[in-house]
Amino acid sequence: MAILTILATLFLILVGGLVRASGAGLGCPDWPKCYGLWIPPTSVDTLPSAYEASEFNAVKTWTEYINRLIGVLIGFFITLTFIFSFKYRKTKPVITLASFAAFVMVLFQGWVGGQVVLSGLSEWIISVHMMVAMAIVGTLIYAAFKAFSDDINISISKDHRRVLIWGSIILLILTLIQMVIGTQVREAVDMISRSAAQVDRAEWIDHIGIIDGIHRSFSWLVLISSGYLVYYVRKNSMQPYFTNLVLIVFALIISQVFVGVVLAYFGMPAIFQVLHLFGSAVMISAVLLLVFSANEAKTNLSVS
């Protein structure tokens, strides 16, 4: 159930990116209802008289409404995850605690989602919305990993385990910092896109400012730290579990760099904005799994 919820939450992040890229963030101008209705209108003819027909767009309205429905579905998934975690409350209470934390956070996330709409898409509230989503994903990954940890045979030497733990923690810190910087870039992009100057999309990147340069430069630290882990696991011929996981993390980081290059030099195509957001969520999830795996690995006296 936790794994299903993780996948569904990542899918919701993808859908959220599509909502923003399509300009449908205010497709429903109120919350929790949409145009004062629990089921939004499909045409101007069914629009309540209290709302302006000129501001109604059925596609944007239903895009945003479907995003909300998926959010509600994930709320049910997390509730079920919490209920199913009761079986671990005595043997592995940390699983139940993590599931409860995810349950509390999803309630808070629902409120934050409402504030995003009521604030008129405030940039900093959108950033908080994304960070809470990642906190929920991370907590669920931890709960799921602890539930499966006894069934996964991970055994490495003490020295290798220490390097992996510190290397993966450093990589996690760097990726989280990069995510925060990325939210600042996104906030700048949102302000430019909604500015009265009506700057052409292809020129948005030129108006972001120094934060974009910091974001690009910082990506080198993420890339180098992940590259070192790839070098280390391959040099020491570590077991396939860690070798494959580190390679997956590295591949995700490379893909993020590629998407970032497309955004920077090819006019910021909307679909690549979505891929950049979704890719960062998947990348951080993989890094978290690496951190948890290194920390839980059993040690042996061999060199690999």
C-alpha atoms as a PDB file:
ATOM      1  CA  MET A   1       0.000   0.000   0.000  1.00  0.00           C
ATOM      2  CA  ALA A   2       2.853   2.366   0.820  1.00  0.00           C
ATOM      3  CA  ILE A   3       4.533   1.640  -2.525  1.00  0.00           C
ATOM      4  CA  LEU A   4       1.268   2.272  -4.379  1.00  0.00           C
ATOM      5  CA  THR A   5       0.869   5.546  -2.479  1.00  0.00           C
ATOM      6  CA  ILE A   6       4.443   6.590  -3.321  1.00  0.00           C
ATOM      7  CA  LEU A   7       3.811   6.000  -7.042  1.00  0.00           C
ATOM      8  CA  ALA A   8       0.482   7.828  -6.854  1.00  0.00           C
ATOM      9  CA  THR A   9       2.067  10.803  -5.070  1.00  0.00           C
ATOM     10  CA  LEU A  10       4.820  11.033  -7.688  1.00  0.00           C
ATOM     11  CA  PHE A  11       2.103  10.907 -10.358  1.00  0.00           C
ATOM     12  CA  LEU A  12       0.300  13.756  -8.597  1.00  0.00           C
ATOM     13  CA  ILE A  13       3.516  15.808  -8.711  1.00  0.00           C
ATOM     14  CA  LEU A  14       3.591  15.152 -12.473  1.00  0.00           C
ATOM     15  CA  VAL A  15      -0.039  16.231 -12.797  1.00  0.00           C
ATOM     16  CA  GLY A  16       0.669  19.307 -10.689  1.00  0.00           C
ATOM     17  CA  GLY A  17       3.443  20.213 -13.106  1.00  0.00           C
ATOM     18  CA  LEU A  18       1.024  19.854 -16.017  1.00  0.00           C
ATOM     19  CA  VAL A  19      -1.482  22.101 -14.228  1.00  0.00           C
ATOM     20  CA  ARG A  20       1.130  24.825 -13.788  1.00  0.00           C
ATOM     21  CA  ALA A  21       2.574  24.474 -17.293  1.00  0.00           C
ATOM     22  CA  SER A  22      -0.892  24.715 -18.839  1.00  0.00           C
ATOM     23  CA  GLY A  23      -1.791  27.783 -16.787  1.00  0.00           C
ATOM     24  CA  ALA A  24      -4.666  25.932 -15.117  1.00  0.00           C
ATOM     25  CA  GLY A  25      -3.669  26.726 -11.543  1.00  0.00           C
ATOM     26  CA  LEU A  26      -6.691  28.980 -11.123  1.00  0.00           C
ATOM     27  CA  GLY A  27      -8.963  26.854 -13.291  1.00  0.00           C
ATOM     28  CA  CYS A  28     -11.046  26.619 -10.121  1.00  0.00           C
ATOM     29  CA  PRO A  29     -11.086  30.100  -8.550  1.00  0.00           C
ATOM     30  CA  ASP A  30     -12.347  28.883  -5.154  1.00  0.00           C
ATOM     31  CA  TRP A  31     -11.625  26.055  -2.718  1.00  0.00           C
ATOM     32  CA  PRO A  32     -12.632  23.417  -1.759  1.00  0.00           C
ATOM     33  CA  LYS A  33     -15.478  23.777  -4.258  1.00  0.00           C
ATOM     34  CA  CYS A  34     -14.960  24.757  -7.888  1.00  0.00           C
ATOM     35  CA  TYR A  35     -17.052  27.709  -9.060  1.00  0.00           C
ATOM     36  CA  GLY A  36     -19.161  27.107  -5.971  1.00  0.00           C
ATOM     37  CA  LEU A  37     -19.945  23.532  -7.026  1.00  0.00           C
ATOM     38  CA  TRP A  38     -18.700  20.106  -5.957  1.00  0.00           C
ATOM     39  CA  ILE A  39     -18.803  19.056  -9.610  1.00  0.00           C
ATOM     40  CA  PRO A  40     -17.568  21.971 -11.751  1.00  0.00           C
ATOM     41  CA  PRO A  41     -19.393  23.254 -14.833  1.00  0.00           C
ATOM     42  CA  THR A  42     -18.542  21.908 -18.271  1.00  0.00           C
ATOM     43  CA  SER A  43     -19.715  24.924 -20.243  1.00  0.00           C
ATOM     44  CA  VAL A  44     -20.575  28.599 -19.822  1.00  0.00           C
ATOM     45  CA  ASP A  45     -24.268  27.667 -19.852  1.00  0.00           C
ATOM     46  CA  THR A  46     -23.916  25.783 -16.579  1.00  0.00           C
ATOM     47  CA  LEU A  47     -21.692  28.401 -14.924  1.00  0.00           C
ATOM     48  CA  PRO A  48     -23.236  29.921 -11.744  1.00  0.00           C
ATOM     49  CA  SER A  49     -24.335  33.528 -12.273  1.00  0.00           C
ATOM     50  CA  ALA A  50     -21.977  34.785  -9.554  1.00  0.00           C
ATOM     51  CA  TYR A  51     -18.954  34.141 -11.813  1.00  0.00           C
ATOM     52  CA  GLU A  52     -17.762  35.928 -14.949  1.00  0.00           C
ATOM     53  CA  ALA A  53     -18.211  33.887 -18.117  1.00  0.00           C
ATOM     54  CA  SER A  54     -15.147  35.547 -19.668  1.00  0.00           C
ATOM     55  CA  GLU A  55     -12.914  34.005 -16.969  1.00  0.00           C
ATOM     56  CA  PHE A  56     -14.205  30.457 -17.455  1.00  0.00           C
ATOM     57  CA  ASN A  57     -12.226  27.880 -19.413  1.00  0.00           C
ATOM     58  CA  ALA A  58     -13.629  24.347 -19.248  1.00  0.00           C
ATOM     59  CA  VAL A  59     -10.323  22.648 -20.080  1.00  0.00           C
ATOM     60  CA  LYS A  60      -8.380  24.531 -17.413  1.00  0.00           C
ATOM     61  CA  THR A  61     -11.180  24.075 -14.891  1.00  0.00           C
ATOM     62  CA  TRP A  62     -11.296  20.311 -15.294  1.00  0.00           C
ATOM     63  CA  THR A  63      -7.515  20.040 -15.434  1.00  0.00           C
ATOM     64  CA  GLU A  64      -7.295  21.655 -12.013  1.00  0.00           C
ATOM     65  CA  TYR A  65     -10.307  19.729 -10.703  1.00  0.00           C
ATOM     66  CA  ILE A  66      -8.825  16.361 -11.743  1.00  0.00           C
ATOM     67  CA  ASN A  67      -5.640  17.399  -9.958  1.00  0.00           C
ATOM     68  CA  ARG A  68      -7.700  17.923  -6.806  1.00  0.00           C
ATOM     69  CA  LEU A  69      -9.487  14.593  -7.195  1.00  0.00           C
ATOM     70  CA  ILE A  70      -6.180  12.755  -7.473  1.00  0.00           C
ATOM     71  CA  GLY A  71      -5.050  14.556  -4.326  1.00  0.00           C
ATOM     72  CA  VAL A  72      -8.157  13.320  -2.494  1.00  0.00           C
ATOM     73  CA  LEU A  73      -7.500   9.776  -3.745  1.00  0.00           C
ATOM     74  CA  ILE A  74      -3.957   9.913  -2.394  1.00  0.00           C
ATOM     75  CA  GLY A  75      -5.379  11.094   0.918  1.00  0.00           C
ATOM     76  CA  PHE A  76      -7.383   7.852   1.054  1.00  0.00           C
ATOM     77  CA  PHE A  77      -4.288   5.842   0.057  1.00  0.00           C
ATOM     78  CA  ILE A  78      -2.238   7.368   2.861  1.00  0.00           C
ATOM     79  CA  THR A  79      -5.056   6.718   5.318  1.00  0.00           C
ATOM     80  CA  LEU A  80      -5.083   3.035   4.298  1.00  0.00           C
ATOM     81  CA  THR A  81      -1.284   2.911   4.564  1.00  0.00           C
ATOM     82  CA  PHE A  82      -1.558   4.222   8.121  1.00  0.00           C
ATOM     83  CA  ILE A  83      -4.260   1.683   8.989  1.00  0.00           C
ATOM     84  CA  PHE A  84      -2.280  -1.224   7.507  1.00  0.00           C
ATOM     85  CA  SER A  85       0.824  -0.101   9.402  1.00  0.00           C
ATOM     86  CA  PHE A  86      -0.853  -1.034  12.698  1.00  0.00           C
ATOM     87  CA  LYS A  87       0.383  -4.621  12.200  1.00  0.00           C
ATOM     88  CA  TYR A  88       3.919  -3.288  12.781  1.00  0.00           C
ATOM     89  CA  ARG A  89       3.106  -1.182  15.840  1.00  0.00           C
ATOM     90  CA  LYS A  90       4.757  -3.696  18.205  1.00  0.00           C
ATOM     91  CA  THR A  91       7.476  -5.274  16.053  1.00  0.00           C
ATOM     92  CA  LYS A  92       8.519  -2.157  14.085  1.00  0.00           C
ATOM     93  CA  PRO A  93       6.774   0.854  15.623  1.00  0.00           C
ATOM     94  CA  VAL A  94       8.813   3.230  13.463  1.00  0.00           C
ATOM     95  CA  ILE A  95       6.750   2.099  10.458  1.00  0.00           C
ATOM     96  CA  THR A  96       3.514   3.057  12.183  1.00  0.00           C
ATOM     97  CA  LEU A  97       4.992   6.378  13.302  1.00  0.00           C
ATOM     98  CA  ALA A  98       6.215   7.178   9.789  1.00  0.00           C
ATOM     99  CA  SER A  99       2.818   6.277   8.320  1.00  0.00           C
ATOM    100  CA  PHE A 100       1.109   8.487  10.886  1.00  0.00           C
ATOM    101  CA  ALA A 101       3.484  11.346  10.023  1.00  0.00           C
ATOM    102  CA  ALA A 102       2.538  10.960   6.339  1.00  0.00           C
ATOM    103  CA  PHE A 103      -1.148  10.999   7.322  1.00  0.00           C
ATOM    104  CA  VAL A 104      -0.717  14.259   9.266  1.00  0.00           C
ATOM    105  CA  MET A 105       1.296  15.833   6.452  1.00  0.00           C
ATOM    106  CA  VAL A 106      -1.291  14.980   3.795  1.00  0.00           C
ATOM    107  CA  LEU A 107      -3.947  16.770   5.856  1.00  0.00           C
ATOM    108  CA  PHE A 108      -1.654  19.793   6.052  1.00  0.00           C
ATOM    109  CA  GLN A 109      -0.941  19.469   2.334  1.00  0.00           C
ATOM    110  CA  GLY A 110      -4.649  19.650   1.554  1.00  0.00           C
ATOM    111  CA  TRP A 111      -4.857  22.922   3.470  1.00  0.00           C
ATOM    112  CA  VAL A 112      -1.762  24.282   1.707  1.00  0.00           C
ATOM    113  CA  GLY A 113      -3.335  23.381  -1.635  1.00  0.00           C
ATOM    114  CA  GLY A 114      -6.323  25.489  -0.728  1.00  0.00           C
ATOM    115  CA  GLN A 115      -4.066  28.394   0.205  1.00  0.00           C
ATOM    116  CA  VAL A 116      -2.368  28.161  -3.193  1.00  0.00           C
ATOM    117  CA  VAL A 117      -5.724  28.873  -4.854  1.00  0.00           C
ATOM    118  CA  LEU A 118      -6.977  31.420  -2.331  1.00  0.00           C
ATOM    119  CA  SER A 119      -3.683  33.350  -2.545  1.00  0.00           C
ATOM    120  CA  GLY A 120      -3.951  33.614  -6.321  1.00  0.00           C
ATOM    121  CA  LEU A 121      -1.007  31.224  -6.905  1.00  0.00           C
ATOM    122  CA  SER A 122       1.415  32.840  -4.470  1.00  0.00           C
ATOM    123  CA  GLU A 123       4.903  31.745  -5.515  1.00  0.00           C
ATOM    124  CA  TRP A 124       6.195  30.957  -2.034  1.00  0.00           C
ATOM    125  CA  ILE A 125       3.101  28.947  -1.086  1.00  0.00           C
ATOM    126  CA  ILE A 126       3.522  26.865  -4.267  1.00  0.00           C
ATOM    127  CA  SER A 127       7.112  26.185  -3.169  1.00  0.00           C
ATOM    128  CA  VAL A 128       5.897  25.059   0.267  1.00  0.00           C
ATOM    129  CA  HIS A 129       3.345  22.840  -1.492  1.00  0.00           C
ATOM    130  CA  MET A 130       6.136  21.111  -3.431  1.00  0.00           C
ATOM    131  CA  MET A 131       8.370  20.681  -0.392  1.00  0.00           C
ATOM    132  CA  VAL A 132       5.582  19.133   1.671  1.00  0.00           C
ATOM    133  CA  ALA A 133       4.852  16.739  -1.205  1.00  0.00           C
ATOM    134  CA  MET A 134       8.486  15.615  -1.182  1.00  0.00           C
ATOM    135  CA  ALA A 135       8.406  15.239   2.612  1.00  0.00           C
ATOM    136  CA  ILE A 136       5.378  12.954   2.241  1.00  0.00           C
ATOM    137  CA  VAL A 137       7.121  10.872  -0.445  1.00  0.00           C
ATOM    138  CA  GLY A 138      10.277  10.590   1.659  1.00  0.00           C
ATOM    139  CA  THR A 139       8.355   9.503   4.740  1.00  0.00           C
ATOM    140  CA  LEU A 140       6.443   6.857   2.773  1.00  0.00           C
ATOM    141  CA  ILE A 141       9.665   5.564   1.194  1.00  0.00           C
ATOM    142  CA  TYR A 142      11.125   5.162   4.665  1.00  0.00           C
ATOM    143  CA  ALA A 143       8.033   3.312   5.930  1.00  0.00           C
ATOM    144  CA  ALA A 144       7.992   0.993   2.904  1.00  0.00           C
ATOM    145  CA  PHE A 145      11.721   0.327   3.091  1.00  0.00           C
ATOM    146  CA  LYS A 146      11.548  -0.573   6.799  1.00  0.00           C
ATOM    147  CA  ALA A 147       8.675  -2.952   6.053  1.00  0.00           C
ATOM    148  CA  PHE A 148      10.764  -4.753   3.412  1.00  0.00           C
ATOM    149  CA  SER A 149      14.195  -4.427   5.041  1.00  0.00           C
ATOM    150  CA  ASP A 150      14.149  -7.916   6.568  1.00  0.00           C
ATOM    151  CA  ASP A 151      13.547  -9.435   3.135  1.00  0.00           C
ATOM    152  CA  ILE A 152      16.447  -7.624   1.459  1.00  0.00           C
ATOM    153  CA  ASN A 153      19.891  -9.156   1.928  1.00  0.00           C
ATOM    154  CA  ILE A 154      22.302  -6.215   1.822  1.00  0.00           C
ATOM    155  CA  SER A 155      25.769  -7.009   3.145  1.00  0.00           C
ATOM    156  CA  ILE A 156      28.942  -4.962   2.621  1.00  0.00           C
ATOM    157  CA  SER A 157      32.188  -4.293   4.437  1.00  0.00           C
ATOM    158  CA  LYS A 158      32.268  -1.799   7.286  1.00  0.00           C
ATOM    159  CA  ASP A 159      34.521   0.609   5.377  1.00  0.00           C
ATOM    160  CA  HIS A 160      32.357   0.512   2.250  1.00  0.00           C
ATOM    161  CA  ARG A 161      29.228   1.026   4.315  1.00  0.00           C
ATOM    162  CA  ARG A 162      30.712   4.111   5.961  1.00  0.00           C
ATOM    163  CA  VAL A 163      31.668   5.627   2.593  1.00  0.00           C
ATOM    164  CA  LEU A 164      28.229   4.893   1.145  1.00  0.00           C
ATOM    165  CA  ILE A 165      26.421   6.370   4.130  1.00  0.00           C
ATOM    166  CA  TRP A 166      28.376   9.619   4.090  1.00  0.00           C
ATOM    167  CA  GLY A 167      28.477   9.815   0.297  1.00  0.00           C
ATOM    168  CA  SER A 168      24.726   9.304  -0.030  1.00  0.00           C
ATOM    169  CA  ILE A 169      23.943  11.745   2.803  1.00  0.00           C
ATOM    170  CA  ILE A 170      26.109  14.429   1.191  1.00  0.00           C
ATOM    171  CA  LEU A 171      24.408  13.761  -2.145  1.00  0.00           C
ATOM    172  CA  LEU A 172      20.989  14.000  -0.486  1.00  0.00           C
ATOM    173  CA  ILE A 173      21.856  17.329   1.148  1.00  0.00           C
ATOM    174  CA  LEU A 174      23.124  18.690  -2.164  1.00  0.00           C
ATOM    175  CA  THR A 175      20.018  17.566  -4.059  1.00  0.00           C
ATOM    176  CA  LEU A 176      17.713  19.068  -1.425  1.00  0.00           C
ATOM    177  CA  ILE A 177      19.608  22.365  -1.582  1.00  0.00           C
ATOM    178  CA  GLN A 178      19.380  22.227  -5.365  1.00  0.00           C
ATOM    179  CA  MET A 179      15.633  21.624  -5.091  1.00  0.00           C
ATOM    180  CA  VAL A 180      15.218  24.676  -2.849  1.00  0.00           C
ATOM    181  CA  ILE A 181      17.253  26.802  -5.275  1.00  0.00           C
ATOM    182  CA  GLY A 182      15.127  25.382  -8.091  1.00  0.00           C
ATOM    183  CA  THR A 183      11.961  26.563  -6.339  1.00  0.00           C
ATOM    184  CA  GLN A 184      13.449  30.066  -6.303  1.00  0.00           C
ATOM    185  CA  VAL A 185      14.067  29.815 -10.049  1.00  0.00           C
ATOM    186  CA  ARG A 186      10.490  28.621 -10.557  1.00  0.00           C
ATOM    187  CA  GLU A 187       9.146  31.504  -8.485  1.00  0.00           C
ATOM    188  CA  ALA A 188      11.099  33.936 -10.687  1.00  0.00           C
ATOM    189  CA  VAL A 189       9.766  32.241 -13.829  1.00  0.00           C
ATOM    190  CA  ASP A 190       6.189  32.463 -12.535  1.00  0.00           C
ATOM    191  CA  MET A 191       6.558  36.161 -11.789  1.00  0.00           C
ATOM    192  CA  ILE A 192       7.985  36.800 -15.264  1.00  0.00           C
ATOM    193  CA  SER A 193       5.279  34.765 -16.989  1.00  0.00           C
ATOM    194  CA  ARG A 194       2.526  36.742 -15.229  1.00  0.00           C
ATOM    195  CA  SER A 195       4.179  40.154 -15.470  1.00  0.00           C
ATOM    196  CA  ALA A 196       2.494  43.025 -17.293  1.00  0.00           C
ATOM    197  CA  ALA A 197       5.508  43.286 -19.602  1.00  0.00           C
ATOM    198  CA  GLN A 198       4.424  40.034 -21.306  1.00  0.00           C
ATOM    199  CA  VAL A 199       7.935  38.755 -21.909  1.00  0.00           C
ATOM    200  CA  ASP A 200       8.157  36.118 -24.639  1.00  0.00           C
ATOM    201  CA  ARG A 201       8.660  32.570 -23.265  1.00  0.00           C
ATOM    202  CA  ALA A 202      11.939  32.185 -25.163  1.00  0.00           C
ATOM    203  CA  GLU A 203      13.308  35.199 -23.247  1.00  0.00           C
ATOM    204  CA  TRP A 204      12.207  34.181 -19.750  1.00  0.00           C
ATOM    205  CA  ILE A 205      15.573  32.654 -18.945  1.00  0.00           C
ATOM    206  CA  ASP A 206      17.284  35.990 -19.620  1.00  0.00           C
ATOM    207  CA  HIS A 207      15.161  37.756 -16.995  1.00  0.00           C
ATOM    208  CA  ILE A 208      15.505  35.321 -14.088  1.00  0.00           C
ATOM    209  CA  GLY A 209      18.640  36.845 -12.612  1.00  0.00           C
ATOM    210  CA  ILE A 210      21.530  35.513 -10.556  1.00  0.00           C
ATOM    211  CA  ILE A 211      19.543  32.689  -8.955  1.00  0.00           C
ATOM    212  CA  ASP A 212      19.500  30.869 -12.299  1.00  0.00           C
ATOM    213  CA  GLY A 213      23.304  31.017 -12.477  1.00  0.00           C
ATOM    214  CA  ILE A 214      23.539  29.647  -8.943  1.00  0.00           C
ATOM    215  CA  HIS A 215      21.136  26.843  -9.858  1.00  0.00           C
ATOM    216  CA  ARG A 216      23.196  25.864 -12.887  1.00  0.00           C
ATOM    217  CA  SER A 217      26.530  26.051 -11.076  1.00  0.00           C
ATOM    218  CA  PHE A 218      25.282  24.068  -8.087  1.00  0.00           C
ATOM    219  CA  SER A 219      24.270  21.231 -10.406  1.00  0.00           C
ATOM    220  CA  TRP A 220      27.985  20.506 -10.883  1.00  0.00           C
ATOM    221  CA  LEU A 221      28.305  19.657  -7.174  1.00  0.00           C
ATOM    222  CA  VAL A 222      25.392  17.225  -7.443  1.00  0.00           C
ATOM    223  CA  LEU A 223      26.840  15.680 -10.589  1.00  0.00           C
ATOM    224  CA  ILE A 224      30.371  15.327  -9.170  1.00  0.00           C
ATOM    225  CA  SER A 225      29.193  13.802  -5.879  1.00  0.00           C
ATOM    226  CA  SER A 226      27.042  11.237  -7.681  1.00  0.00           C
ATOM    227  CA  GLY A 227      29.861  10.547 -10.127  1.00  0.00           C
ATOM    228  CA  TYR A 228      32.182   9.761  -7.220  1.00  0.00           C
ATOM    229  CA  LEU A 229      29.705   7.220  -5.859  1.00  0.00           C
ATOM    230  CA  VAL A 230      29.543   5.547  -9.282  1.00  0.00           C
ATOM    231  CA  TYR A 231      33.350   5.411  -9.366  1.00  0.00           C
ATOM    232  CA  TYR A 232      33.529   4.011  -5.835  1.00  0.00           C
ATOM    233  CA  VAL A 233      30.986   1.195  -6.222  1.00  0.00           C
ATOM    234  CA  ARG A 234      32.438   0.095  -9.561  1.00  0.00           C
ATOM    235  CA  LYS A 235      36.044   0.287  -8.401  1.00  0.00           C
ATOM    236  CA  ASN A 236      35.277  -1.908  -5.398  1.00  0.00           C
ATOM    237  CA  SER A 237      33.009  -4.303  -7.335  1.00  0.00           C
ATOM    238  CA  MET A 238      30.221  -3.902  -4.815  1.00  0.00           C
ATOM    239  CA  GLN A 239      27.163  -6.123  -4.898  1.00  0.00           C
ATOM    240  CA  PRO A 240      24.634  -5.486  -7.706  1.00  0.00           C
ATOM    241  CA  TYR A 241      22.051  -3.936  -5.368  1.00  0.00           C
ATOM    242  CA  PHE A 242      24.214  -0.913  -4.572  1.00  0.00           C
ATOM    243  CA  THR A 243      25.898  -0.758  -7.970  1.00  0.00           C
ATOM    244  CA  ASN A 244      22.562  -0.668  -9.792  1.00  0.00           C
ATOM    245  CA  LEU A 245      20.994   1.776  -7.346  1.00  0.00           C
ATOM    246  CA  VAL A 246      23.927   4.203  -7.610  1.00  0.00           C
ATOM    247  CA  LEU A 247      23.832   3.946 -11.419  1.00  0.00           C
ATOM    248  CA  ILE A 248      20.102   4.688 -11.413  1.00  0.00           C
ATOM    249  CA  VAL A 249      20.685   7.762  -9.242  1.00  0.00           C
ATOM    250  CA  PHE A 250      23.467   8.930 -11.561  1.00  0.00           C
ATOM    251  CA  ALA A 251      21.287   8.377 -14.650  1.00  0.00           C
ATOM    252  CA  LEU A 252      18.467  10.407 -13.100  1.00  0.00           C
ATOM    253  CA  ILE A 253      20.855  13.262 -12.301  1.00  0.00           C
ATOM    254  CA  ILE A 254      22.245  13.211 -15.854  1.00  0.00           C
ATOM    255  CA  SER A 255      18.699  13.324 -17.231  1.00  0.00           C
ATOM    256  CA  GLN A 256      17.947  16.325 -15.014  1.00  0.00           C
ATOM    257  CA  VAL A 257      21.031  18.103 -16.317  1.00  0.00           C
ATOM    258  CA  PHE A 258      19.906  17.368 -19.892  1.00  0.00           C
ATOM    259  CA  VAL A 259      16.411  18.717 -19.244  1.00  0.00           C
ATOM    260  CA  GLY A 260      17.928  21.806 -17.610  1.00  0.00           C
ATOM    261  CA  VAL A 261      20.071  22.427 -20.708  1.00  0.00           C
ATOM    262  CA  VAL A 262      16.995  22.213 -22.932  1.00  0.00           C
ATOM    263  CA  LEU A 263      15.158  24.684 -20.699  1.00  0.00           C
ATOM    264  CA  ALA A 264      18.103  27.100 -20.698  1.00  0.00           C
ATOM    265  CA  TYR A 265      18.958  27.070 -24.389  1.00  0.00           C
ATOM    266  CA  PHE A 266      15.769  26.108 -26.221  1.00  0.00           C
ATOM    267  CA  GLY A 267      13.218  28.644 -25.018  1.00  0.00           C
ATOM    268  CA  MET A 268      11.910  26.865 -21.889  1.00  0.00           C
ATOM    269  CA  PRO A 269       9.404  24.502 -23.551  1.00  0.00           C
ATOM    270  CA  ALA A 270       6.511  23.832 -21.180  1.00  0.00           C
ATOM    271  CA  ILE A 271       6.736  20.045 -21.366  1.00  0.00           C
ATOM    272  CA  PHE A 272      10.354  20.175 -20.207  1.00  0.00           C
ATOM    273  CA  GLN A 273       9.337  22.301 -17.228  1.00  0.00           C
ATOM    274  CA  VAL A 274       7.011  19.462 -16.256  1.00  0.00           C
ATOM    275  CA  LEU A 275       9.740  16.856 -16.809  1.00  0.00           C
ATOM    276  CA  HIS A 276      12.184  18.891 -14.708  1.00  0.00           C
ATOM    277  CA  LEU A 277       9.764  19.043 -11.784  1.00  0.00           C
ATOM    278  CA  PHE A 278       8.781  15.382 -12.000  1.00  0.00           C
ATOM    279  CA  GLY A 279      12.374  14.270 -12.593  1.00  0.00           C
ATOM    280  CA  SER A 280      13.599  16.095  -9.494  1.00  0.00           C
ATOM    281  CA  ALA A 281      10.985  14.292  -7.377  1.00  0.00           C
ATOM    282  CA  VAL A 282      11.991  10.884  -8.758  1.00  0.00           C
ATOM    283  CA  MET A 283      15.690  11.719  -8.377  1.00  0.00           C
ATOM    284  CA  ILE A 284      15.354  12.724  -4.713  1.00  0.00           C
ATOM    285  CA  SER A 285      13.286   9.590  -4.062  1.00  0.00           C
ATOM    286  CA  ALA A 286      16.090   7.425  -5.476  1.00  0.00           C
ATOM    287  CA  VAL A 287      18.706   9.241  -3.390  1.00  0.00           C
ATOM    288  CA  LEU A 288      16.585   8.710  -0.263  1.00  0.00           C
ATOM    289  CA  LEU A 289      16.378   4.991  -1.030  1.00  0.00           C
ATOM    290  CA  LEU A 290      20.170   4.932  -1.356  1.00  0.00           C
ATOM    291  CA  VAL A 291      20.568   6.641   2.037  1.00  0.00           C
ATOM    292  CA  PHE A 292      18.186   4.210   3.734  1.00  0.00           C
ATOM    293  CA  SER A 293      19.823   1.206   2.062  1.00  0.00           C
ATOM    294  CA  ALA A 294      23.338   2.218   3.086  1.00  0.00           C
ATOM    295  CA  ASN A 295      22.230   2.848   6.648  1.00  0.00           C
ATOM    296  CA  GLU A 296      20.426  -0.525   6.926  1.00  0.00           C
ATOM    297  CA  ALA A 297      23.146  -2.614   5.225  1.00  0.00           C
ATOM    298  CA  LYS A 298      24.699  -5.354   7.314  1.00  0.00           C
ATOM    299  CA  THR A 299      28.456  -5.384   7.646  1.00  0.00           C
ATOM    300  CA  ASN A 300      30.794  -8.278   7.003  1.00  0.00           C
ATOM    301  CA  LEU A 301      34.519  -8.862   7.140  1.00  0.00           C
ATOM    302  CA  SER A 302      35.014  -9.162   3.388  1.00  0.00           C
ATOM    303  CA  VAL A 303      36.164  -6.324   1.151  1.00  0.00           C
ATOM    304  CA  SER A 304      32.962  -6.128  -0.930  1.00  0.00           C
END
